[in-house]
Amino acid sequence: MTALTLPTRWLAAAGTTLLDLVLPPRCPACREIVADDGRFCAPCWGQLRFLTAPWCAVCGDPFDHDRGDGAQCGACLLKRPRYRTARAALAYEGAARTVLLGFKHGDRQHLARVMAPQLARVGANVLGAEALLVPVPLHRSRLWSRGFNQAALLARAVGKRTQTPLAVDALVRVKSTLLSRGLGRQARARNVQGAFRVARREQVRGRRIVLVDDVFTTGATVEACARVLLRAGAASVDVLTWARVVRDGPSRS
């Protein structure tokens, strides 16, 4: 089947959004009819694993018990990330994964408005008028094929909700990287090495940056972004994502 052209993709996305607006409210995950827009049905709500403390003070990896203020996971103790903190709203599983895939690959761009409240919740300590939202960018080839940058849509929705300013073009991806699905930690780090550049240093210099992405897997992408933002003069970098991959069993020690 021939791939859709970008204008066709835009029209398809617009049609999907229009249907979601005129039809009865539906669960963002399974699309069963619900009482209000943006509300999950009971089964899908039960699948959501909201991430809260106790967690690693740096990367936000959840702990199975409270280890005290400032406790860090083994990985962060071994090698401190360049970013100050990373927080994800939900574990990347169940309905949270379904919503993200529908948003990212199913042209359901309006789901950014459903996801934004949870990012605002988990990022309450770093968001606000003195911060600057910067989305993780896509390379122009992937942006052309997909038609939109999901991180930018999330950042815009969070910014509107929290009155946090947005610099959507401060950071650019200058290297087209391989799809990271299936790559391990070291391979992901090599894949994004040299992939990002700060396009507008005056926007980030001296600013407290909140870097926004859709999912946190190994942290390689946000680590690479944080590195170039700090080199460009950013005061600090915090990371905010809709979901993160969480290991089953005890947290890292």
C-alpha atoms as a PDB file:
ATOM      1  CA  MET A   1       0.000   0.000   0.000  1.00  0.00           C
ATOM      2  CA  THR A   2       1.371   3.393  -0.958  1.00  0.00           C
ATOM      3  CA  ALA A   3       2.358   5.588   1.968  1.00  0.00           C
ATOM      4  CA  LEU A   4       0.141   8.572   2.611  1.00  0.00           C
ATOM      5  CA  THR A   5       1.490  11.929   1.497  1.00  0.00           C
ATOM      6  CA  LEU A   6       1.872  14.550   4.205  1.00  0.00           C
ATOM      7  CA  PRO A   7      -1.204  16.596   3.134  1.00  0.00           C
ATOM      8  CA  THR A   8      -3.211  13.360   3.091  1.00  0.00           C
ATOM      9  CA  ARG A   9      -1.955  12.495   6.581  1.00  0.00           C
ATOM     10  CA  TRP A  10      -2.982  15.950   7.815  1.00  0.00           C
ATOM     11  CA  LEU A  11      -6.449  15.503   6.340  1.00  0.00           C
ATOM     12  CA  ALA A  12      -6.752  12.051   7.911  1.00  0.00           C
ATOM     13  CA  ALA A  13      -5.684  13.431  11.290  1.00  0.00           C
ATOM     14  CA  ALA A  14      -8.157  16.293  10.988  1.00  0.00           C
ATOM     15  CA  GLY A  15     -10.914  13.821  10.135  1.00  0.00           C
ATOM     16  CA  THR A  16     -10.086  11.648  13.127  1.00  0.00           C
ATOM     17  CA  THR A  17     -10.073  14.657  15.438  1.00  0.00           C
ATOM     18  CA  LEU A  18     -13.403  15.891  14.022  1.00  0.00           C
ATOM     19  CA  LEU A  19     -15.019  12.500  14.596  1.00  0.00           C
ATOM     20  CA  ASP A  20     -13.749  12.432  18.172  1.00  0.00           C
ATOM     21  CA  LEU A  21     -15.294  15.867  18.712  1.00  0.00           C
ATOM     22  CA  VAL A  22     -18.743  15.203  17.245  1.00  0.00           C
ATOM     23  CA  LEU A  23     -19.252  11.622  18.425  1.00  0.00           C
ATOM     24  CA  PRO A  24     -20.056  10.747  22.048  1.00  0.00           C
ATOM     25  CA  PRO A  25     -17.122  11.040  24.488  1.00  0.00           C
ATOM     26  CA  ARG A  26     -14.917   7.982  24.365  1.00  0.00           C
ATOM     27  CA  CYS A  27     -12.231   6.478  26.565  1.00  0.00           C
ATOM     28  CA  PRO A  28      -8.825   7.721  25.329  1.00  0.00           C
ATOM     29  CA  ALA A  29      -7.463   4.159  25.408  1.00  0.00           C
ATOM     30  CA  CYS A  30     -10.142   1.670  24.272  1.00  0.00           C
ATOM     31  CA  ARG A  31     -12.573   4.244  22.819  1.00  0.00           C
ATOM     32  CA  GLU A  32     -15.592   2.885  24.657  1.00  0.00           C
ATOM     33  CA  ILE A  33     -18.272   5.515  25.297  1.00  0.00           C
ATOM     34  CA  VAL A  34     -17.759   7.350  28.614  1.00  0.00           C
ATOM     35  CA  ALA A  35     -19.493  10.177  30.464  1.00  0.00           C
ATOM     36  CA  ASP A  36     -17.084  13.030  29.712  1.00  0.00           C
ATOM     37  CA  ASP A  37     -14.312  13.942  27.298  1.00  0.00           C
ATOM     38  CA  GLY A  38     -10.890  12.808  28.440  1.00  0.00           C
ATOM     39  CA  ARG A  39     -12.244  10.362  31.012  1.00  0.00           C
ATOM     40  CA  PHE A  40     -11.037   6.745  31.005  1.00  0.00           C
ATOM     41  CA  CYS A  41     -13.488   3.876  31.324  1.00  0.00           C
ATOM     42  CA  ALA A  42     -13.239   1.892  34.552  1.00  0.00           C
ATOM     43  CA  PRO A  43     -11.244  -1.068  33.122  1.00  0.00           C
ATOM     44  CA  CYS A  44      -8.686   1.216  31.433  1.00  0.00           C
ATOM     45  CA  TRP A  45      -8.433   3.462  34.501  1.00  0.00           C
ATOM     46  CA  GLY A  46      -7.581   0.363  36.493  1.00  0.00           C
ATOM     47  CA  GLN A  47      -4.662  -0.306  34.149  1.00  0.00           C
ATOM     48  CA  LEU A  48      -3.030   3.084  34.779  1.00  0.00           C
ATOM     49  CA  ARG A  49      -0.053   2.952  37.104  1.00  0.00           C
ATOM     50  CA  PHE A  50       0.553   6.509  38.295  1.00  0.00           C
ATOM     51  CA  LEU A  51       4.153   7.133  39.300  1.00  0.00           C
ATOM     52  CA  THR A  52       4.717   8.887  42.617  1.00  0.00           C
ATOM     53  CA  ALA A  53       7.308   8.872  45.378  1.00  0.00           C
ATOM     54  CA  PRO A  54       9.157   6.907  46.624  1.00  0.00           C
ATOM     55  CA  TRP A  55      11.414   7.110  43.593  1.00  0.00           C
ATOM     56  CA  CYS A  56      14.987   7.903  42.631  1.00  0.00           C
ATOM     57  CA  ALA A  57      15.590  11.557  43.416  1.00  0.00           C
ATOM     58  CA  VAL A  58      17.283  11.988  40.031  1.00  0.00           C
ATOM     59  CA  CYS A  59      15.776   9.780  37.315  1.00  0.00           C
ATOM     60  CA  GLY A  60      12.413   9.041  38.951  1.00  0.00           C
ATOM     61  CA  ASP A  61      12.741   5.259  38.787  1.00  0.00           C
ATOM     62  CA  PRO A  62      10.162   4.038  41.334  1.00  0.00           C
ATOM     63  CA  PHE A  63      11.364   2.303  44.503  1.00  0.00           C
ATOM     64  CA  ASP A  64       9.558  -0.591  46.159  1.00  0.00           C
ATOM     65  CA  HIS A  65       9.977   1.094  49.563  1.00  0.00           C
ATOM     66  CA  ASP A  66      10.917   4.484  50.976  1.00  0.00           C
ATOM     67  CA  ARG A  67      14.699   4.864  51.090  1.00  0.00           C
ATOM     68  CA  GLY A  68      14.725   8.367  52.534  1.00  0.00           C
ATOM     69  CA  ASP A  69      14.995  11.867  51.085  1.00  0.00           C
ATOM     70  CA  GLY A  70      17.444  12.206  48.216  1.00  0.00           C
ATOM     71  CA  ALA A  71      17.903   8.468  47.689  1.00  0.00           C
ATOM     72  CA  GLN A  72      19.202   7.541  44.242  1.00  0.00           C
ATOM     73  CA  CYS A  73      19.041   4.341  42.220  1.00  0.00           C
ATOM     74  CA  GLY A  74      22.209   2.398  41.481  1.00  0.00           C
ATOM     75  CA  ALA A  75      22.468   3.657  37.915  1.00  0.00           C
ATOM     76  CA  CYS A  76      22.384   7.323  38.961  1.00  0.00           C
ATOM     77  CA  LEU A  77      24.873   6.706  41.768  1.00  0.00           C
ATOM     78  CA  LEU A  78      27.195   5.025  39.281  1.00  0.00           C
ATOM     79  CA  LYS A  79      26.906   7.804  36.703  1.00  0.00           C
ATOM     80  CA  ARG A  80      24.975  10.961  37.510  1.00  0.00           C
ATOM     81  CA  PRO A  81      22.867  12.115  34.530  1.00  0.00           C
ATOM     82  CA  ARG A  82      23.366  15.595  33.089  1.00  0.00           C
ATOM     83  CA  TYR A  83      19.744  16.492  33.802  1.00  0.00           C
ATOM     84  CA  ARG A  84      18.751  17.472  37.340  1.00  0.00           C
ATOM     85  CA  THR A  85      15.572  15.391  37.625  1.00  0.00           C
ATOM     86  CA  ALA A  86      13.402  13.230  35.366  1.00  0.00           C
ATOM     87  CA  ARG A  87       9.753  12.571  36.139  1.00  0.00           C
ATOM     88  CA  ALA A  88       7.177  10.515  34.259  1.00  0.00           C
ATOM     89  CA  ALA A  89       3.464  10.553  34.942  1.00  0.00           C
ATOM     90  CA  LEU A  90       2.753   6.864  34.304  1.00  0.00           C
ATOM     91  CA  ALA A  91       4.382   3.504  33.788  1.00  0.00           C
ATOM     92  CA  TYR A  92       4.612   2.579  30.103  1.00  0.00           C
ATOM     93  CA  GLU A  93       2.140  -0.293  30.180  1.00  0.00           C
ATOM     94  CA  GLY A  94      -1.556  -1.038  29.734  1.00  0.00           C
ATOM     95  CA  ALA A  95      -3.812   1.877  28.890  1.00  0.00           C
ATOM     96  CA  ALA A  96      -0.991   4.433  29.214  1.00  0.00           C
ATOM     97  CA  ARG A  97       0.919   2.660  26.445  1.00  0.00           C
ATOM     98  CA  THR A  98      -2.231   2.407  24.300  1.00  0.00           C
ATOM     99  CA  VAL A  99      -2.890   6.137  24.620  1.00  0.00           C
ATOM    100  CA  LEU A 100       0.690   6.995  23.731  1.00  0.00           C
ATOM    101  CA  LEU A 101       0.726   4.769  20.663  1.00  0.00           C
ATOM    102  CA  GLY A 102      -2.589   6.191  19.497  1.00  0.00           C
ATOM    103  CA  PHE A 103      -1.273   9.708  19.996  1.00  0.00           C
ATOM    104  CA  LYS A 104       2.079   9.066  18.355  1.00  0.00           C
ATOM    105  CA  HIS A 105       1.205   6.712  15.506  1.00  0.00           C
ATOM    106  CA  GLY A 106      -2.577   6.854  15.218  1.00  0.00           C
ATOM    107  CA  ASP A 107      -2.952  10.539  14.266  1.00  0.00           C
ATOM    108  CA  ARG A 108      -4.930  11.208  17.467  1.00  0.00           C
ATOM    109  CA  GLN A 109      -3.203  14.496  18.148  1.00  0.00           C
ATOM    110  CA  HIS A 110      -6.010  15.782  20.363  1.00  0.00           C
ATOM    111  CA  LEU A 111      -4.866  13.290  23.033  1.00  0.00           C
ATOM    112  CA  ALA A 112      -2.196  15.814  24.026  1.00  0.00           C
ATOM    113  CA  ARG A 113      -4.973  17.616  25.922  1.00  0.00           C
ATOM    114  CA  VAL A 114      -5.810  14.392  27.779  1.00  0.00           C
ATOM    115  CA  MET A 115      -2.166  13.726  28.649  1.00  0.00           C
ATOM    116  CA  ALA A 116      -1.234  17.265  29.697  1.00  0.00           C
ATOM    117  CA  PRO A 117      -2.935  17.251  33.138  1.00  0.00           C
ATOM    118  CA  GLN A 118      -0.870  14.271  34.275  1.00  0.00           C
ATOM    119  CA  LEU A 119       2.374  15.861  33.077  1.00  0.00           C
ATOM    120  CA  ALA A 120       1.373  19.026  34.924  1.00  0.00           C
ATOM    121  CA  ARG A 121       0.760  16.956  38.055  1.00  0.00           C
ATOM    122  CA  VAL A 122       4.080  15.157  38.061  1.00  0.00           C
ATOM    123  CA  GLY A 123       5.983  18.263  36.959  1.00  0.00           C
ATOM    124  CA  ALA A 124       4.394  20.703  39.405  1.00  0.00           C
ATOM    125  CA  ASN A 125       7.719  21.389  41.158  1.00  0.00           C
ATOM    126  CA  VAL A 126       9.542  22.447  37.974  1.00  0.00           C
ATOM    127  CA  LEU A 127       6.847  24.094  35.830  1.00  0.00           C
ATOM    128  CA  GLY A 128       5.808  27.734  35.938  1.00  0.00           C
ATOM    129  CA  ALA A 129       6.527  31.149  34.490  1.00  0.00           C
ATOM    130  CA  GLU A 130      10.252  31.034  35.336  1.00  0.00           C
ATOM    131  CA  ALA A 131      10.820  27.729  33.503  1.00  0.00           C
ATOM    132  CA  LEU A 132      11.104  27.175  29.752  1.00  0.00           C
ATOM    133  CA  LEU A 133       9.544  24.158  28.037  1.00  0.00           C
ATOM    134  CA  VAL A 134      11.709  22.650  25.278  1.00  0.00           C
ATOM    135  CA  PRO A 135      10.409  19.590  23.388  1.00  0.00           C
ATOM    136  CA  VAL A 136      12.745  16.841  22.213  1.00  0.00           C
ATOM    137  CA  PRO A 137      12.892  17.468  18.441  1.00  0.00           C
ATOM    138  CA  LEU A 138      12.397  15.108  15.524  1.00  0.00           C
ATOM    139  CA  HIS A 139      14.719  15.062  12.532  1.00  0.00           C
ATOM    140  CA  ARG A 140      13.151  16.822   9.562  1.00  0.00           C
ATOM    141  CA  SER A 141      12.810  13.538   7.627  1.00  0.00           C
ATOM    142  CA  ARG A 142      10.790  11.917  10.427  1.00  0.00           C
ATOM    143  CA  LEU A 143       8.801  15.094  10.993  1.00  0.00           C
ATOM    144  CA  TRP A 144       7.866  15.089   7.317  1.00  0.00           C
ATOM    145  CA  SER A 145       6.756  11.446   7.358  1.00  0.00           C
ATOM    146  CA  ARG A 146       4.831  11.701  10.641  1.00  0.00           C
ATOM    147  CA  GLY A 147       3.438  15.179  10.094  1.00  0.00           C
ATOM    148  CA  PHE A 148       3.910  16.421  13.669  1.00  0.00           C
ATOM    149  CA  ASN A 149       6.260  16.224  16.648  1.00  0.00           C
ATOM    150  CA  GLN A 150       4.439  14.532  19.514  1.00  0.00           C
ATOM    151  CA  ALA A 151       6.799  16.040  22.109  1.00  0.00           C
ATOM    152  CA  ALA A 152       6.057  19.543  20.820  1.00  0.00           C
ATOM    153  CA  LEU A 153       2.299  18.956  21.028  1.00  0.00           C
ATOM    154  CA  LEU A 154       2.671  17.724  24.613  1.00  0.00           C
ATOM    155  CA  ALA A 155       4.871  20.675  25.562  1.00  0.00           C
ATOM    156  CA  ARG A 156       2.393  23.135  24.066  1.00  0.00           C
ATOM    157  CA  ALA A 157      -0.539  21.580  25.949  1.00  0.00           C
ATOM    158  CA  VAL A 158       1.398  21.555  29.235  1.00  0.00           C
ATOM    159  CA  GLY A 159       2.494  25.149  28.681  1.00  0.00           C
ATOM    160  CA  LYS A 160      -1.065  26.339  28.187  1.00  0.00           C
ATOM    161  CA  ARG A 161      -2.209  24.507  31.291  1.00  0.00           C
ATOM    162  CA  THR A 162       0.581  25.714  33.580  1.00  0.00           C
ATOM    163  CA  GLN A 163       1.436  29.119  32.089  1.00  0.00           C
ATOM    164  CA  THR A 164       4.949  27.897  31.326  1.00  0.00           C
ATOM    165  CA  PRO A 165       6.622  29.517  28.288  1.00  0.00           C
ATOM    166  CA  LEU A 166       7.576  27.323  25.342  1.00  0.00           C
ATOM    167  CA  ALA A 167      10.566  27.419  22.971  1.00  0.00           C
ATOM    168  CA  VAL A 168       9.544  24.876  20.364  1.00  0.00           C
ATOM    169  CA  ASP A 169      12.529  25.516  18.061  1.00  0.00           C
ATOM    170  CA  ALA A 170      15.314  26.039  20.597  1.00  0.00           C
ATOM    171  CA  LEU A 171      16.645  22.524  20.053  1.00  0.00           C
ATOM    172  CA  VAL A 172      17.034  20.739  16.706  1.00  0.00           C
ATOM    173  CA  ARG A 173      17.912  17.186  15.710  1.00  0.00           C
ATOM    174  CA  VAL A 174      20.679  17.403  13.120  1.00  0.00           C
ATOM    175  CA  LYS A 175      21.247  13.662  12.640  1.00  0.00           C
ATOM    176  CA  SER A 176      18.663  11.143  11.485  1.00  0.00           C
ATOM    177  CA  THR A 177      18.966   8.341  14.016  1.00  0.00           C
ATOM    178  CA  LEU A 178      17.889   4.715  13.845  1.00  0.00           C
ATOM    179  CA  LEU A 179      14.615   3.713  15.442  1.00  0.00           C
ATOM    180  CA  SER A 180      15.581   2.927  19.027  1.00  0.00           C
ATOM    181  CA  ARG A 181      13.092   0.088  19.521  1.00  0.00           C
ATOM    182  CA  GLY A 182      15.032  -3.024  20.495  1.00  0.00           C
ATOM    183  CA  LEU A 183      18.312  -1.226  21.178  1.00  0.00           C
ATOM    184  CA  GLY A 184      20.033  -1.593  24.538  1.00  0.00           C
ATOM    185  CA  ARG A 185      21.267   1.226  26.762  1.00  0.00           C
ATOM    186  CA  GLN A 186      24.726   1.571  25.200  1.00  0.00           C
ATOM    187  CA  ALA A 187      23.420   1.233  21.649  1.00  0.00           C
ATOM    188  CA  ARG A 188      20.813   3.933  22.321  1.00  0.00           C
ATOM    189  CA  ALA A 189      23.494   6.256  23.680  1.00  0.00           C
ATOM    190  CA  ARG A 190      25.664   5.730  20.582  1.00  0.00           C
ATOM    191  CA  ASN A 191      22.631   6.207  18.343  1.00  0.00           C
ATOM    192  CA  VAL A 192      21.912   9.736  19.627  1.00  0.00           C
ATOM    193  CA  GLN A 193      25.524  10.857  19.987  1.00  0.00           C
ATOM    194  CA  GLY A 194      25.896  14.164  18.157  1.00  0.00           C
ATOM    195  CA  ALA A 195      22.234  14.125  17.112  1.00  0.00           C
ATOM    196  CA  PHE A 196      21.145  17.394  18.761  1.00  0.00           C
ATOM    197  CA  ARG A 197      22.135  21.030  18.537  1.00  0.00           C
ATOM    198  CA  VAL A 198      20.869  24.205  20.231  1.00  0.00           C
ATOM    199  CA  ALA A 199      19.585  26.442  17.455  1.00  0.00           C
ATOM    200  CA  ARG A 200      18.781  29.474  19.608  1.00  0.00           C
ATOM    201  CA  ARG A 201      21.322  29.883  22.394  1.00  0.00           C
ATOM    202  CA  GLU A 202      19.810  33.190  23.456  1.00  0.00           C
ATOM    203  CA  GLN A 203      16.565  31.381  24.303  1.00  0.00           C
ATOM    204  CA  VAL A 204      18.152  28.872  26.671  1.00  0.00           C
ATOM    205  CA  ARG A 205      21.077  30.808  28.170  1.00  0.00           C
ATOM    206  CA  GLY A 206      20.584  31.149  31.915  1.00  0.00           C
ATOM    207  CA  ARG A 207      17.148  29.505  31.780  1.00  0.00           C
ATOM    208  CA  ARG A 208      15.755  26.629  33.805  1.00  0.00           C
ATOM    209  CA  ILE A 209      14.777  24.176  31.046  1.00  0.00           C
ATOM    210  CA  VAL A 210      12.015  21.581  31.276  1.00  0.00           C
ATOM    211  CA  LEU A 211      12.688  19.077  28.513  1.00  0.00           C
ATOM    212  CA  VAL A 212       9.516  17.315  27.313  1.00  0.00           C
ATOM    213  CA  ASP A 213       9.273  13.938  25.585  1.00  0.00           C
ATOM    214  CA  ASP A 214       6.655  11.219  25.241  1.00  0.00           C
ATOM    215  CA  VAL A 215       8.401   8.268  26.902  1.00  0.00           C
ATOM    216  CA  PHE A 216      11.517   7.681  29.002  1.00  0.00           C
ATOM    217  CA  THR A 217      13.176   4.353  28.212  1.00  0.00           C
ATOM    218  CA  THR A 218      16.897   4.310  29.040  1.00  0.00           C
ATOM    219  CA  GLY A 219      17.267   8.087  29.242  1.00  0.00           C
ATOM    220  CA  ALA A 220      19.794   8.226  26.395  1.00  0.00           C
ATOM    221  CA  THR A 221      17.836  10.753  24.329  1.00  0.00           C
ATOM    222  CA  VAL A 222      17.138  13.209  27.145  1.00  0.00           C
ATOM    223  CA  GLU A 223      20.723  12.818  28.380  1.00  0.00           C
ATOM    224  CA  ALA A 224      22.024  13.839  24.949  1.00  0.00           C
ATOM    225  CA  CYS A 225      19.632  16.798  24.849  1.00  0.00           C
ATOM    226  CA  ALA A 226      20.545  17.909  28.372  1.00  0.00           C
ATOM    227  CA  ARG A 227      24.241  17.812  27.491  1.00  0.00           C
ATOM    228  CA  VAL A 228      23.931  20.269  24.597  1.00  0.00           C
ATOM    229  CA  LEU A 229      21.486  22.531  26.474  1.00  0.00           C
ATOM    230  CA  LEU A 230      23.882  22.865  29.411  1.00  0.00           C
ATOM    231  CA  ARG A 231      26.803  23.510  27.069  1.00  0.00           C
ATOM    232  CA  ALA A 232      24.736  26.300  25.504  1.00  0.00           C
ATOM    233  CA  GLY A 233      24.374  27.975  28.904  1.00  0.00           C
ATOM    234  CA  ALA A 234      21.135  26.591  30.338  1.00  0.00           C
ATOM    235  CA  ALA A 235      21.032  26.972  34.125  1.00  0.00           C
ATOM    236  CA  SER A 236      19.549  23.490  34.616  1.00  0.00           C
ATOM    237  CA  VAL A 237      17.569  20.813  32.794  1.00  0.00           C
ATOM    238  CA  ASP A 238      14.656  18.798  34.196  1.00  0.00           C
ATOM    239  CA  VAL A 239      12.878  16.117  32.176  1.00  0.00           C
ATOM    240  CA  LEU A 240       9.136  15.520  31.949  1.00  0.00           C
ATOM    241  CA  THR A 241       7.491  12.616  30.084  1.00  0.00           C
ATOM    242  CA  TRP A 242       4.062  11.041  29.834  1.00  0.00           C
ATOM    243  CA  ALA A 243       5.387   7.561  30.585  1.00  0.00           C
ATOM    244  CA  ARG A 244       8.518   5.610  31.418  1.00  0.00           C
ATOM    245  CA  VAL A 245       9.561   2.005  31.094  1.00  0.00           C
ATOM    246  CA  VAL A 246       9.573   0.447  34.562  1.00  0.00           C
ATOM    247  CA  ARG A 247      11.152  -2.890  35.335  1.00  0.00           C
ATOM    248  CA  ASP A 248       9.052  -5.531  37.060  1.00  0.00           C
ATOM    249  CA  GLY A 249      10.225  -6.596  40.482  1.00  0.00           C
ATOM    250  CA  PRO A 250      12.416  -4.657  42.903  1.00  0.00           C
ATOM    251  CA  SER A 251      13.736  -1.305  41.753  1.00  0.00           C
ATOM    252  CA  ARG A 252      17.387  -0.853  40.915  1.00  0.00           C
ATOM    253  CA  SER A 253      19.656  -0.657  43.937  1.00  0.00           C
END
